[in-house]
Amino acid sequence: MTRRRLPGLLLLLLALLAGLIGPAAADQICAIDDTDREVCLADPAERIIALSPGATELLFAAGAGERLVAAVEHSDYPPEAKALPSVGSHDRLDLERLVALQPDLVIGWVTGNPAEQVERLERLGVPVFRIEPRAFEGIATALERLARLAGSEAQGRLAAERFRQGLAEMAARHAGAPPVTVFYQVWDSPLMTVNDEHLIGKAVTLCGGVNVFGGLARLVPRIDEEALLAADPEVILAGGRGEQNRSWLEDWRRFPKLTAVARDNLFLVPPSLLQRPTPRLLEGSRLLCERLEVARGPR
């Protein structure tokens, strides 16, 4: 008789345990990162460290700036980000200082941080949420997911909605624009550009531009001057060091027969507006579109 009742008692005990354990698991705060890993927290993160300037900017935009306790070098936007303690550069983290700050969440950069250092953090029990948006929608999604983990969901949703709306308006404004061939210079030595899968490449397409190196396999490929001369773009855009250094563009004047040079279609775009996957990419894209409109007009 006792033996027959034992399975029933075990089932009852398991059900009770499930009742105790289930709600705790259900109460976890979870989000999928850009490597398709699910990161779960028991409570909203209160001590966050950002391992890229872009992540820092996204967290502030998502309403989680007050929860940041540190960031990497060059985290300079918004202005209050400059006051955050540094944990090294994005490609050489100061793990000792980082761990000493006792973060309950670290926002990593998929391809920008040393994998072995990030994995070491995880072995120490530090949750790492990796991001690297590769499309405009990925920026909106990152805002929502970061806000969820930080407990600022309302602000994150609002920021994401504003970004999506701004993107839709820009796409409608430039739909059907006459195509113009473009070369975007990321760096000068070695000479580097982007393909169509890069966010900058997508911004060029959004504005009605045709990236002359858009079909290359690498996201940020190296090229040589001969390849550029053969492509003969109508427009050359440069980022890299920014407005304070026009030497990149002036160097192309060595080739007066280059179409972009002959038409004086040499333009700078502030790199922080295009080279970081943040809501400010819309501002950078607007500037890019304006440059292409100038190039389309009579010169």
Foldseek 3Di string as FASTA:
>chain_A
DVVVCVVVVVVVVVVVVCVVPVVQVVQWQWDQAPVRDIFTDSDAWQEEEELALLVQQLCVQLVNNNSYQAYAPPNPPPPVNVPHHHQYHSADGVLVVVVVSPGQEYEHEPPRYDPVSVVVCVVVVRHYGYYDDQELLSQLVSSQSNCSNNVSNVSSNVSSVVLVVLLVVLLVVQPPPAEFEEFEFQDVVQTKGAACSHQLNVLCVSLRYDYLRNPDDDGIDGDDPVSCQVSLGQAYEYEHPFDVDCVRQVVVVVPCVRNVNVQVRYYYFHCVQCVRSHSSVSVSSVVVSVSVVVSPDDD
